[in-house]
Amino acid sequence: MLQSTHTPSFIRNPAGLRDHPALVLNADFRPLSYLPLSLWPWQEAIKAAILDRVVVLAEYDAVVHSPTTEIRIPSVVVLRDYVKPARTSAFTRFNLFLRDEFTCQYCGAKDHLTFDHVIPRSRGGRTTWENVVASCGPCNLHKGSKTLRQAGMSLRRPPARPSPEQLRNVGRKFPPNHLHESWMDYLYWDAELDA
């Protein structure tokens, strides 16, 4: 079942996606990504359909016109060629926050997030998946360049390198503000069903 959760404020909806975005599926009928959800502006979806790069699976009721043609706007498209998913997860700020579910790994806060080195850089700590966690500003300031023991703090879970599949699964917990009804048959079909 789809659950609505807190959507972080820094996830933007580009202007072209607000009106009639198209859900883009890989050739295996899974979204290319869940967070951000793989969406194209309607113009890109129509262009890809005309160039025969995608198959249109569902359409909006809305149409666009050229001087000689009327085209229904695609709402779900599937790529004709399979795009191989990445084997490793890029170490980015966004992926770090996604791994930690946009939650401070010290206190559980969901606002004012930054990141913190568990073993401080001043003590030889490296900027790696295994040493960096999402942290709210107050916890980061409190910990400073101290060890967890010195700061009297503990982690909610130890940091680890996530697989791309793990990041996709976490991304499903953060649906966008708008999910068109035509997308629901293609989102979450591989999710575990409620008993």
N, C-alpha and C. Protein backbone atom coordinates (compact mmCIF):
# COMPACT_ATOMS: atom_id res chain seq x y z
N MET A 1 0.84 -1.17 0.00
CA MET A 1 0.00 0.00 0.00
C MET A 1 0.88 1.23 0.00
N LEU A 2 0.52 2.25 -0.76
CA LEU A 2 1.29 3.47 -0.89
C LEU A 2 1.13 4.31 0.36
N GLN A 3 2.25 4.70 0.95
CA GLN A 3 2.19 5.52 2.15
C GLN A 3 2.74 6.89 1.84
N SER A 4 2.07 7.92 2.30
CA SER A 4 2.55 9.28 2.12
C SER A 4 3.44 9.61 3.31
N THR A 5 4.63 10.11 3.04
CA THR A 5 5.55 10.47 4.10
C THR A 5 6.05 11.87 3.86
N HIS A 6 6.87 12.35 4.74
CA HIS A 6 7.45 13.69 4.63
C HIS A 6 8.33 13.77 3.39
N THR A 7 8.04 14.72 2.50
CA THR A 7 8.87 14.92 1.32
C THR A 7 9.84 16.05 1.63
N PRO A 8 11.13 15.81 1.53
CA PRO A 8 12.11 16.83 1.84
C PRO A 8 11.91 18.08 0.99
N SER A 9 12.17 19.24 1.60
CA SER A 9 11.90 20.51 0.93
C SER A 9 12.82 20.77 -0.26
N PHE A 10 13.96 20.10 -0.34
CA PHE A 10 14.87 20.41 -1.43
C PHE A 10 14.59 19.59 -2.68
N ILE A 11 13.57 18.72 -2.67
CA ILE A 11 13.19 18.00 -3.88
C ILE A 11 12.27 18.91 -4.67
N ARG A 12 12.72 19.30 -5.84
CA ARG A 12 11.97 20.27 -6.64
C ARG A 12 11.18 19.58 -7.73
N ASN A 13 10.12 20.26 -8.17
CA ASN A 13 9.35 19.84 -9.33
C ASN A 13 9.60 20.86 -10.43
N PRO A 14 10.46 20.54 -11.40
CA PRO A 14 10.72 21.50 -12.47
C PRO A 14 9.43 21.91 -13.15
N ALA A 15 9.39 23.15 -13.64
CA ALA A 15 8.17 23.72 -14.21
C ALA A 15 7.57 22.84 -15.30
N GLY A 16 8.39 22.26 -16.17
CA GLY A 16 7.88 21.46 -17.27
C GLY A 16 7.21 20.17 -16.83
N LEU A 17 7.47 19.74 -15.59
CA LEU A 17 6.89 18.49 -15.11
C LEU A 17 5.55 18.70 -14.41
N ARG A 18 5.22 19.93 -14.06
CA ARG A 18 4.00 20.17 -13.31
C ARG A 18 2.75 19.86 -14.12
N ASP A 19 2.78 20.12 -15.42
CA ASP A 19 1.62 19.93 -16.26
C ASP A 19 1.82 18.73 -17.17
N HIS A 20 1.11 17.65 -16.89
CA HIS A 20 1.10 16.45 -17.73
C HIS A 20 2.47 15.77 -17.89
N PRO A 21 3.15 15.45 -16.80
CA PRO A 21 4.41 14.71 -16.94
C PRO A 21 4.13 13.28 -17.37
N ALA A 22 5.12 12.66 -17.99
CA ALA A 22 5.01 11.26 -18.40
C ALA A 22 5.91 10.42 -17.51
N LEU A 23 5.35 9.36 -16.96
CA LEU A 23 6.13 8.38 -16.20
C LEU A 23 6.94 7.57 -17.20
N VAL A 24 8.26 7.48 -16.97
CA VAL A 24 9.14 6.76 -17.89
C VAL A 24 9.55 5.43 -17.27
N LEU A 25 9.23 4.36 -17.99
CA LEU A 25 9.57 3.01 -17.55
C LEU A 25 10.70 2.45 -18.39
N ASN A 26 11.54 1.65 -17.76
CA ASN A 26 12.57 0.94 -18.50
C ASN A 26 11.89 -0.16 -19.33
N ALA A 27 12.62 -0.82 -20.19
CA ALA A 27 12.05 -1.85 -21.04
C ALA A 27 11.50 -3.03 -20.24
N ASP A 28 11.88 -3.15 -18.96
CA ASP A 28 11.33 -4.21 -18.10
C ASP A 28 10.08 -3.74 -17.35
N PHE A 29 9.57 -2.55 -17.73
CA PHE A 29 8.34 -1.98 -17.17
C PHE A 29 8.48 -1.53 -15.72
N ARG A 30 9.70 -1.27 -15.28
CA ARG A 30 9.93 -0.67 -13.96
C ARG A 30 10.38 0.77 -14.17
N PRO A 31 10.02 1.68 -13.26
CA PRO A 31 10.50 3.06 -13.40
C PRO A 31 12.03 3.09 -13.40
N LEU A 32 12.59 4.01 -14.18
CA LEU A 32 14.05 4.15 -14.18
C LEU A 32 14.56 4.51 -12.80
N SER A 33 13.79 5.32 -12.07
CA SER A 33 14.12 5.66 -10.69
C SER A 33 12.85 5.98 -9.94
N TYR A 34 12.89 5.81 -8.62
CA TYR A 34 11.75 6.13 -7.77
C TYR A 34 11.90 7.49 -7.11
N LEU A 35 13.10 7.88 -6.76
CA LEU A 35 13.32 9.18 -6.15
C LEU A 35 14.60 9.76 -6.70
N PRO A 36 14.53 10.76 -7.52
CA PRO A 36 13.26 11.31 -8.00
C PRO A 36 12.60 10.33 -8.96
N LEU A 37 11.28 10.37 -9.00
CA LEU A 37 10.53 9.51 -9.90
C LEU A 37 10.88 9.87 -11.33
N SER A 38 11.10 8.86 -12.16
CA SER A 38 11.52 9.10 -13.55
C SER A 38 10.36 9.67 -14.36
N LEU A 39 10.36 10.98 -14.50
CA LEU A 39 9.33 11.70 -15.23
C LEU A 39 9.96 12.54 -16.33
N TRP A 40 9.26 12.67 -17.43
CA TRP A 40 9.66 13.56 -18.52
C TRP A 40 8.58 14.59 -18.71
N PRO A 41 8.96 15.80 -19.11
CA PRO A 41 7.94 16.76 -19.53
C PRO A 41 7.18 16.19 -20.73
N TRP A 42 5.94 16.58 -20.90
CA TRP A 42 5.13 16.02 -21.98
C TRP A 42 5.78 16.23 -23.34
N GLN A 43 6.52 17.32 -23.51
CA GLN A 43 7.16 17.59 -24.80
C GLN A 43 8.19 16.50 -25.13
N GLU A 44 8.98 16.10 -24.12
CA GLU A 44 9.98 15.05 -24.33
C GLU A 44 9.33 13.71 -24.64
N ALA A 45 8.23 13.42 -23.95
CA ALA A 45 7.54 12.15 -24.18
C ALA A 45 6.99 12.08 -25.60
N ILE A 46 6.41 13.17 -26.08
CA ILE A 46 5.89 13.18 -27.46
C ILE A 46 7.02 13.05 -28.46
N LYS A 47 8.11 13.78 -28.23
CA LYS A 47 9.27 13.70 -29.13
C LYS A 47 9.80 12.26 -29.21
N ALA A 48 9.94 11.60 -28.03
CA ALA A 48 10.45 10.23 -28.00
C ALA A 48 9.50 9.27 -28.71
N ALA A 49 8.19 9.50 -28.57
CA ALA A 49 7.21 8.64 -29.25
C ALA A 49 7.29 8.82 -30.75
N ILE A 50 7.42 10.05 -31.20
CA ILE A 50 7.51 10.32 -32.65
C ILE A 50 8.78 9.70 -33.22
N LEU A 51 9.86 9.75 -32.45
CA LEU A 51 11.14 9.17 -32.90
C LEU A 51 11.19 7.65 -32.69
N ASP A 52 10.11 7.06 -32.20
CA ASP A 52 9.98 5.62 -31.99
C ASP A 52 10.99 5.08 -30.97
N ARG A 53 11.31 5.89 -29.96
CA ARG A 53 12.20 5.46 -28.89
C ARG A 53 11.44 4.88 -27.71
N VAL A 54 10.14 5.16 -27.65
CA VAL A 54 9.29 4.67 -26.57
C VAL A 54 7.98 4.14 -27.13
N VAL A 55 7.30 3.36 -26.32
CA VAL A 55 5.94 2.93 -26.61
C VAL A 55 5.04 3.63 -25.60
N VAL A 56 3.99 4.24 -26.07
CA VAL A 56 3.06 4.93 -25.18
C VAL A 56 2.09 3.89 -24.62
N LEU A 57 2.03 3.80 -23.27
CA LEU A 57 1.16 2.83 -22.61
C LEU A 57 -0.14 3.45 -22.12
N ALA A 58 -0.11 4.74 -21.78
CA ALA A 58 -1.31 5.42 -21.29
C ALA A 58 -1.20 6.89 -21.69
N GLU A 59 -2.36 7.51 -21.80
CA GLU A 59 -2.41 8.91 -22.24
C GLU A 59 -3.34 9.71 -21.33
N TYR A 60 -3.08 11.02 -21.28
CA TYR A 60 -3.99 11.94 -20.61
C TYR A 60 -5.16 12.22 -21.56
N ASP A 61 -6.20 12.82 -21.04
CA ASP A 61 -7.31 13.26 -21.88
C ASP A 61 -6.93 14.49 -22.70
N ALA A 62 -5.92 15.21 -22.25
CA ALA A 62 -5.50 16.44 -22.91
C ALA A 62 -4.78 16.15 -24.23
N VAL A 63 -4.90 17.07 -25.15
CA VAL A 63 -4.24 16.95 -26.45
C VAL A 63 -3.45 18.21 -26.74
N VAL A 64 -2.48 18.07 -27.63
CA VAL A 64 -1.74 19.22 -28.17
C VAL A 64 -1.93 19.20 -29.68
N HIS A 65 -1.80 20.38 -30.25
CA HIS A 65 -2.06 20.51 -31.68
C HIS A 65 -0.86 21.09 -32.39
N SER A 66 -0.63 20.61 -33.58
CA SER A 66 0.26 21.28 -34.53
C SER A 66 -0.68 21.77 -35.62
N PRO A 67 -0.17 22.47 -36.63
CA PRO A 67 -1.08 22.92 -37.69
C PRO A 67 -1.84 21.78 -38.37
N THR A 68 -1.25 20.58 -38.39
CA THR A 68 -1.90 19.49 -39.13
C THR A 68 -2.23 18.26 -38.29
N THR A 69 -1.79 18.23 -37.02
CA THR A 69 -1.92 17.00 -36.23
C THR A 69 -2.45 17.31 -34.83
N GLU A 70 -3.21 16.37 -34.30
CA GLU A 70 -3.65 16.42 -32.91
C GLU A 70 -3.07 15.20 -32.21
N ILE A 71 -2.39 15.40 -31.09
CA ILE A 71 -1.73 14.30 -30.38
C ILE A 71 -2.18 14.31 -28.92
N ARG A 72 -2.61 13.13 -28.43
CA ARG A 72 -2.91 13.00 -27.00
C ARG A 72 -1.60 12.95 -26.24
N ILE A 73 -1.57 13.59 -25.09
CA ILE A 73 -0.35 13.67 -24.30
C ILE A 73 -0.12 12.35 -23.56
N PRO A 74 1.06 11.74 -23.74
CA PRO A 74 1.35 10.47 -23.05
C PRO A 74 1.47 10.67 -21.54
N SER A 75 0.94 9.73 -20.77
CA SER A 75 1.12 9.78 -19.32
C SER A 75 2.06 8.68 -18.83
N VAL A 76 2.18 7.58 -19.59
CA VAL A 76 3.14 6.51 -19.27
C VAL A 76 3.79 6.06 -20.56
N VAL A 77 5.12 6.03 -20.56
CA VAL A 77 5.86 5.53 -21.72
C VAL A 77 6.87 4.49 -21.24
N VAL A 78 7.17 3.54 -22.13
CA VAL A 78 8.18 2.52 -21.81
C VAL A 78 9.26 2.59 -22.89
N LEU A 79 10.52 2.58 -22.45
CA LEU A 79 11.63 2.63 -23.39
C LEU A 79 11.68 1.37 -24.23
N ARG A 80 12.00 1.51 -25.51
CA ARG A 80 12.14 0.33 -26.39
C ARG A 80 13.43 -0.42 -26.06
N ASP A 81 14.48 0.31 -25.69
CA ASP A 81 15.77 -0.32 -25.36
C ASP A 81 15.97 -0.29 -23.85
N TYR A 82 16.43 -1.41 -23.31
CA TYR A 82 16.66 -1.53 -21.87
C TYR A 82 17.88 -0.70 -21.46
N VAL A 83 17.71 0.09 -20.40
CA VAL A 83 18.81 0.86 -19.83
C VAL A 83 19.31 0.09 -18.61
N LYS A 84 20.55 -0.34 -18.68
CA LYS A 84 21.13 -1.15 -17.61
C LYS A 84 21.30 -0.29 -16.35
N PRO A 85 20.76 -0.73 -15.20
CA PRO A 85 20.93 0.05 -13.97
C PRO A 85 22.38 0.07 -13.51
N ALA A 86 22.73 1.08 -12.78
CA ALA A 86 24.09 1.20 -12.24
C ALA A 86 24.36 0.05 -11.28
N ARG A 87 25.60 -0.40 -11.24
CA ARG A 87 25.98 -1.49 -10.32
C ARG A 87 26.34 -0.97 -8.94
N THR A 88 26.78 0.27 -8.89
CA THR A 88 27.15 0.86 -7.61
C THR A 88 26.39 2.17 -7.44
N SER A 89 26.25 2.58 -6.21
CA SER A 89 25.56 3.83 -5.89
C SER A 89 26.58 4.95 -5.81
N ALA A 90 26.30 6.03 -6.53
CA ALA A 90 27.18 7.20 -6.47
C ALA A 90 27.12 7.80 -5.07
N PHE A 91 28.26 8.19 -4.56
CA PHE A 91 28.31 8.81 -3.23
C PHE A 91 28.03 10.29 -3.40
N THR A 92 26.75 10.66 -3.27
CA THR A 92 26.32 12.05 -3.38
C THR A 92 25.56 12.43 -2.12
N ARG A 93 25.41 13.71 -1.90
CA ARG A 93 24.67 14.19 -0.74
C ARG A 93 23.22 13.66 -0.79
N PHE A 94 22.60 13.74 -1.98
CA PHE A 94 21.23 13.27 -2.11
C PHE A 94 21.12 11.78 -1.80
N ASN A 95 22.01 10.96 -2.36
CA ASN A 95 21.96 9.51 -2.09
C ASN A 95 22.23 9.20 -0.62
N LEU A 96 23.09 9.99 0.01
CA LEU A 96 23.35 9.81 1.44
C LEU A 96 22.08 10.07 2.23
N PHE A 97 21.39 11.18 1.93
CA PHE A 97 20.14 11.49 2.62
C PHE A 97 19.10 10.41 2.32
N LEU A 98 19.07 9.93 1.09
CA LEU A 98 18.12 8.88 0.72
C LEU A 98 18.41 7.61 1.51
N ARG A 99 19.68 7.20 1.57
CA ARG A 99 20.05 6.00 2.35
C ARG A 99 19.55 6.13 3.79
N ASP A 100 19.71 7.32 4.37
CA ASP A 100 19.34 7.56 5.77
C ASP A 100 17.89 8.01 5.91
N GLU A 101 17.12 7.89 4.82
CA GLU A 101 15.69 8.20 4.80
C GLU A 101 15.38 9.62 5.25
N PHE A 102 16.27 10.56 4.89
CA PHE A 102 16.08 11.97 5.19
C PHE A 102 15.82 12.19 6.67
N THR A 103 16.62 11.46 7.49
CA THR A 103 16.45 11.48 8.94
C THR A 103 17.82 11.60 9.61
N CYS A 104 17.92 12.46 10.61
CA CYS A 104 19.16 12.58 11.39
C CYS A 104 19.44 11.23 12.03
N GLN A 105 20.64 10.73 11.85
CA GLN A 105 20.99 9.42 12.38
C GLN A 105 21.36 9.46 13.86
N TYR A 106 21.27 10.65 14.47
CA TYR A 106 21.50 10.77 15.90
C TYR A 106 20.20 10.92 16.67
N CYS A 107 19.33 11.86 16.24
CA CYS A 107 18.12 12.14 17.02
C CYS A 107 16.82 11.81 16.29
N GLY A 108 16.88 11.56 14.99
CA GLY A 108 15.67 11.24 14.24
C GLY A 108 14.96 12.43 13.62
N ALA A 109 15.52 13.63 13.76
CA ALA A 109 14.89 14.83 13.18
C ALA A 109 14.89 14.72 11.65
N LYS A 110 13.93 15.40 11.03
CA LYS A 110 13.80 15.36 9.57
C LYS A 110 14.04 16.72 8.92
N ASP A 111 14.36 17.72 9.70
CA ASP A 111 14.56 19.06 9.16
C ASP A 111 16.00 19.53 9.38
N HIS A 112 16.39 20.51 8.60
CA HIS A 112 17.72 21.14 8.72
C HIS A 112 18.85 20.12 8.62
N LEU A 113 18.75 19.23 7.62
CA LEU A 113 19.75 18.18 7.50
C LEU A 113 21.04 18.66 6.85
N THR A 114 22.10 18.12 7.34
CA THR A 114 23.43 18.27 6.78
C THR A 114 24.05 16.88 6.89
N PHE A 115 25.35 16.78 6.81
CA PHE A 115 25.96 15.47 7.02
C PHE A 115 27.10 15.59 8.01
N ASP A 116 27.45 14.46 8.62
CA ASP A 116 28.47 14.45 9.66
C ASP A 116 29.39 13.26 9.46
N HIS A 117 30.67 13.49 9.74
CA HIS A 117 31.65 12.40 9.72
C HIS A 117 31.62 11.73 11.09
N VAL A 118 31.31 10.44 11.14
CA VAL A 118 31.23 9.72 12.40
C VAL A 118 32.59 9.78 13.09
N ILE A 119 33.64 9.39 12.39
CA ILE A 119 35.00 9.62 12.88
C ILE A 119 35.41 10.95 12.24
N PRO A 120 35.58 12.00 13.03
CA PRO A 120 35.85 13.34 12.47
C PRO A 120 37.06 13.35 11.55
N ARG A 121 36.98 14.19 10.53
CA ARG A 121 38.10 14.32 9.60
C ARG A 121 39.37 14.74 10.33
N SER A 122 39.22 15.54 11.39
CA SER A 122 40.39 15.98 12.16
C SER A 122 41.07 14.81 12.87
N ARG A 123 40.39 13.68 12.96
CA ARG A 123 40.96 12.48 13.60
C ARG A 123 41.22 11.38 12.57
N GLY A 124 41.27 11.77 11.29
CA GLY A 124 41.59 10.81 10.24
C GLY A 124 40.39 10.17 9.57
N GLY A 125 39.19 10.60 9.93
CA GLY A 125 37.99 10.03 9.31
C GLY A 125 37.90 10.42 7.84
N ARG A 126 37.44 9.50 7.03
CA ARG A 126 37.36 9.73 5.58
C ARG A 126 35.93 10.02 5.16
N THR A 127 35.78 10.62 4.02
CA THR A 127 34.46 10.91 3.46
C THR A 127 34.04 9.73 2.61
N THR A 128 33.44 8.73 3.28
CA THR A 128 33.01 7.50 2.61
C THR A 128 31.62 7.14 3.10
N TRP A 129 30.98 6.22 2.38
CA TRP A 129 29.67 5.73 2.79
C TRP A 129 29.69 5.22 4.23
N GLU A 130 30.80 4.60 4.62
CA GLU A 130 30.89 3.96 5.92
C GLU A 130 31.20 4.92 7.06
N ASN A 131 31.48 6.20 6.75
CA ASN A 131 31.85 7.15 7.80
C ASN A 131 31.02 8.43 7.80
N VAL A 132 30.08 8.58 6.89
CA VAL A 132 29.29 9.81 6.81
C VAL A 132 27.82 9.47 6.98
N VAL A 133 27.12 10.27 7.78
CA VAL A 133 25.69 10.06 8.02
C VAL A 133 24.95 11.39 7.91
N ALA A 134 23.63 11.28 7.65
CA ALA A 134 22.77 12.46 7.69
C ALA A 134 22.66 12.91 9.15
N SER A 135 22.72 14.21 9.34
CA SER A 135 22.67 14.76 10.69
C SER A 135 21.94 16.10 10.65
N CYS A 136 21.14 16.37 11.66
CA CYS A 136 20.53 17.70 11.74
C CYS A 136 21.59 18.68 12.22
N GLY A 137 21.36 19.94 11.98
CA GLY A 137 22.32 20.97 12.37
C GLY A 137 22.67 20.95 13.85
N PRO A 138 21.66 20.90 14.75
CA PRO A 138 21.98 20.89 16.19
C PRO A 138 22.85 19.69 16.61
N CYS A 139 22.55 18.50 16.08
CA CYS A 139 23.37 17.32 16.44
C CYS A 139 24.78 17.46 15.89
N ASN A 140 24.89 17.96 14.66
CA ASN A 140 26.20 18.13 14.05
C ASN A 140 27.02 19.13 14.87
N LEU A 141 26.39 20.21 15.29
CA LEU A 141 27.08 21.23 16.09
C LEU A 141 27.48 20.65 17.45
N HIS A 142 26.59 19.89 18.09
CA HIS A 142 26.88 19.29 19.38
C HIS A 142 28.06 18.32 19.29
N LYS A 143 28.06 17.49 18.25
CA LYS A 143 29.12 16.49 18.12
C LYS A 143 30.45 17.15 17.76
N GLY A 144 30.42 18.10 16.84
CA GLY A 144 31.64 18.78 16.44
C GLY A 144 32.72 17.82 16.00
N SER A 145 33.92 17.98 16.51
CA SER A 145 35.03 17.11 16.12
C SER A 145 35.31 16.05 17.18
N LYS A 146 34.28 15.73 17.97
CA LYS A 146 34.43 14.70 19.00
C LYS A 146 34.04 13.33 18.45
N THR A 147 34.47 12.30 19.13
CA THR A 147 34.01 10.96 18.80
C THR A 147 32.60 10.80 19.36
N LEU A 148 31.91 9.74 18.95
CA LEU A 148 30.57 9.49 19.47
C LEU A 148 30.59 9.36 21.00
N ARG A 149 31.57 8.64 21.51
CA ARG A 149 31.67 8.43 22.96
C ARG A 149 31.91 9.76 23.69
N GLN A 150 32.82 10.58 23.17
CA GLN A 150 33.11 11.87 23.80
C GLN A 150 31.88 12.78 23.79
N ALA A 151 31.08 12.70 22.72
CA ALA A 151 29.90 13.56 22.61
C ALA A 151 28.69 12.96 23.33
N GLY A 152 28.81 11.70 23.79
CA GLY A 152 27.69 11.04 24.46
C GLY A 152 26.53 10.77 23.50
N MET A 153 26.87 10.44 22.25
CA MET A 153 25.86 10.22 21.22
C MET A 153 25.97 8.80 20.67
N SER A 154 24.91 8.35 20.04
CA SER A 154 24.94 7.05 19.37
C SER A 154 24.18 7.14 18.06
N LEU A 155 24.49 6.23 17.17
CA LEU A 155 23.85 6.19 15.86
C LEU A 155 22.61 5.32 15.90
N ARG A 156 21.61 5.69 15.12
CA ARG A 156 20.40 4.87 14.99
C ARG A 156 20.72 3.57 14.28
N ARG A 157 21.61 3.62 13.30
CA ARG A 157 22.09 2.41 12.61
C ARG A 157 23.46 2.74 12.03
N PRO A 158 24.34 1.74 11.94
CA PRO A 158 25.68 2.01 11.42
C PRO A 158 25.63 2.35 9.93
N PRO A 159 26.45 3.30 9.50
CA PRO A 159 26.46 3.66 8.08
C PRO A 159 27.11 2.56 7.25
N ALA A 160 26.56 2.34 6.05
CA ALA A 160 27.08 1.32 5.15
C ALA A 160 26.82 1.75 3.71
N ARG A 161 27.58 1.18 2.80
CA ARG A 161 27.40 1.47 1.37
C ARG A 161 26.11 0.79 0.90
N PRO A 162 25.14 1.55 0.38
CA PRO A 162 23.90 0.92 -0.10
C PRO A 162 24.07 0.45 -1.54
N SER A 163 23.34 -0.58 -1.88
CA SER A 163 23.30 -1.01 -3.28
C SER A 163 22.29 -0.12 -4.01
N PRO A 164 22.38 -0.03 -5.33
CA PRO A 164 21.36 0.73 -6.07
C PRO A 164 19.95 0.22 -5.78
N GLU A 165 19.79 -1.08 -5.62
CA GLU A 165 18.46 -1.64 -5.31
C GLU A 165 17.96 -1.16 -3.96
N GLN A 166 18.86 -1.08 -2.97
CA GLN A 166 18.46 -0.57 -1.66
C GLN A 166 18.00 0.89 -1.76
N LEU A 167 18.71 1.70 -2.53
CA LEU A 167 18.31 3.09 -2.70
C LEU A 167 16.96 3.18 -3.41
N ARG A 168 16.73 2.34 -4.42
CA ARG A 168 15.43 2.34 -5.11
C ARG A 168 14.31 1.98 -4.15
N ASN A 169 14.56 1.00 -3.30
CA ASN A 169 13.53 0.58 -2.34
C ASN A 169 13.21 1.69 -1.33
N VAL A 170 14.23 2.39 -0.86
CA VAL A 170 13.99 3.51 0.04
C VAL A 170 13.26 4.62 -0.71
N GLY A 171 13.62 4.85 -1.96
CA GLY A 171 12.98 5.90 -2.75
C GLY A 171 11.49 5.70 -2.91
N ARG A 172 11.03 4.47 -2.88
CA ARG A 172 9.60 4.19 -3.00
C ARG A 172 8.80 4.71 -1.80
N LYS A 173 9.48 4.94 -0.68
CA LYS A 173 8.80 5.44 0.51
C LYS A 173 8.49 6.93 0.41
N PHE A 174 9.03 7.60 -0.59
CA PHE A 174 8.87 9.05 -0.72
C PHE A 174 8.23 9.39 -2.05
N PRO A 175 6.94 9.09 -2.21
CA PRO A 175 6.29 9.38 -3.49
C PRO A 175 6.20 10.88 -3.72
N PRO A 176 6.17 11.29 -4.98
CA PRO A 176 6.03 12.72 -5.26
C PRO A 176 4.65 13.20 -4.82
N ASN A 177 4.50 14.51 -4.77
CA ASN A 177 3.23 15.09 -4.34
C ASN A 177 2.09 14.71 -5.28
N HIS A 178 2.40 14.45 -6.53
CA HIS A 178 1.36 14.14 -7.51
C HIS A 178 1.65 12.78 -8.14
N LEU A 179 0.69 11.88 -8.03
CA LEU A 179 0.77 10.58 -8.71
C LEU A 179 -0.49 10.45 -9.55
N HIS A 180 -0.34 10.47 -10.85
CA HIS A 180 -1.50 10.34 -11.73
C HIS A 180 -2.04 8.92 -11.65
N GLU A 181 -3.36 8.78 -11.72
CA GLU A 181 -3.99 7.45 -11.60
C GLU A 181 -3.48 6.47 -12.65
N SER A 182 -3.10 6.95 -13.83
CA SER A 182 -2.61 6.04 -14.88
C SER A 182 -1.25 5.45 -14.55
N TRP A 183 -0.55 6.03 -13.59
CA TRP A 183 0.78 5.52 -13.22
C TRP A 183 0.70 4.36 -12.24
N MET A 184 -0.39 4.24 -11.51
CA MET A 184 -0.43 3.32 -10.38
C MET A 184 -0.23 1.86 -10.78
N ASP A 185 -0.63 1.48 -11.99
CA ASP A 185 -0.41 0.10 -12.42
C ASP A 185 1.06 -0.20 -12.69
N TYR A 186 1.88 0.82 -12.81
CA TYR A 186 3.29 0.63 -13.16
C TYR A 186 4.23 0.96 -12.01
N LEU A 187 3.71 1.56 -10.96
CA LEU A 187 4.51 1.83 -9.77
C LEU A 187 4.19 0.77 -8.73
N TYR A 188 5.18 0.33 -8.03
CA TYR A 188 5.00 -0.52 -6.88
C TYR A 188 4.44 -1.90 -7.22
N TRP A 189 4.43 -2.31 -8.49
CA TRP A 189 3.91 -3.65 -8.80
C TRP A 189 4.81 -4.74 -8.28
N ASP A 190 6.06 -4.40 -8.01
CA ASP A 190 6.96 -5.41 -7.47
C ASP A 190 7.10 -5.30 -5.95
N ALA A 191 6.24 -4.45 -5.33
CA ALA A 191 6.28 -4.29 -3.89
C ALA A 191 5.50 -5.42 -3.22
N GLU A 192 5.84 -5.69 -1.96
CA GLU A 192 5.15 -6.74 -1.22
C GLU A 192 3.71 -6.32 -0.95
N LEU A 193 2.78 -7.23 -1.13
CA LEU A 193 1.36 -6.94 -0.94
C LEU A 193 0.99 -7.05 0.53
N ASP A 194 0.00 -6.23 0.94
CA ASP A 194 -0.52 -6.33 2.31
C ASP A 194 -1.30 -7.63 2.46
N ALA A 195 -1.22 -8.24 3.65
CA ALA A 195 -1.95 -9.50 3.90
C ALA A 195 -3.40 -9.24 4.19
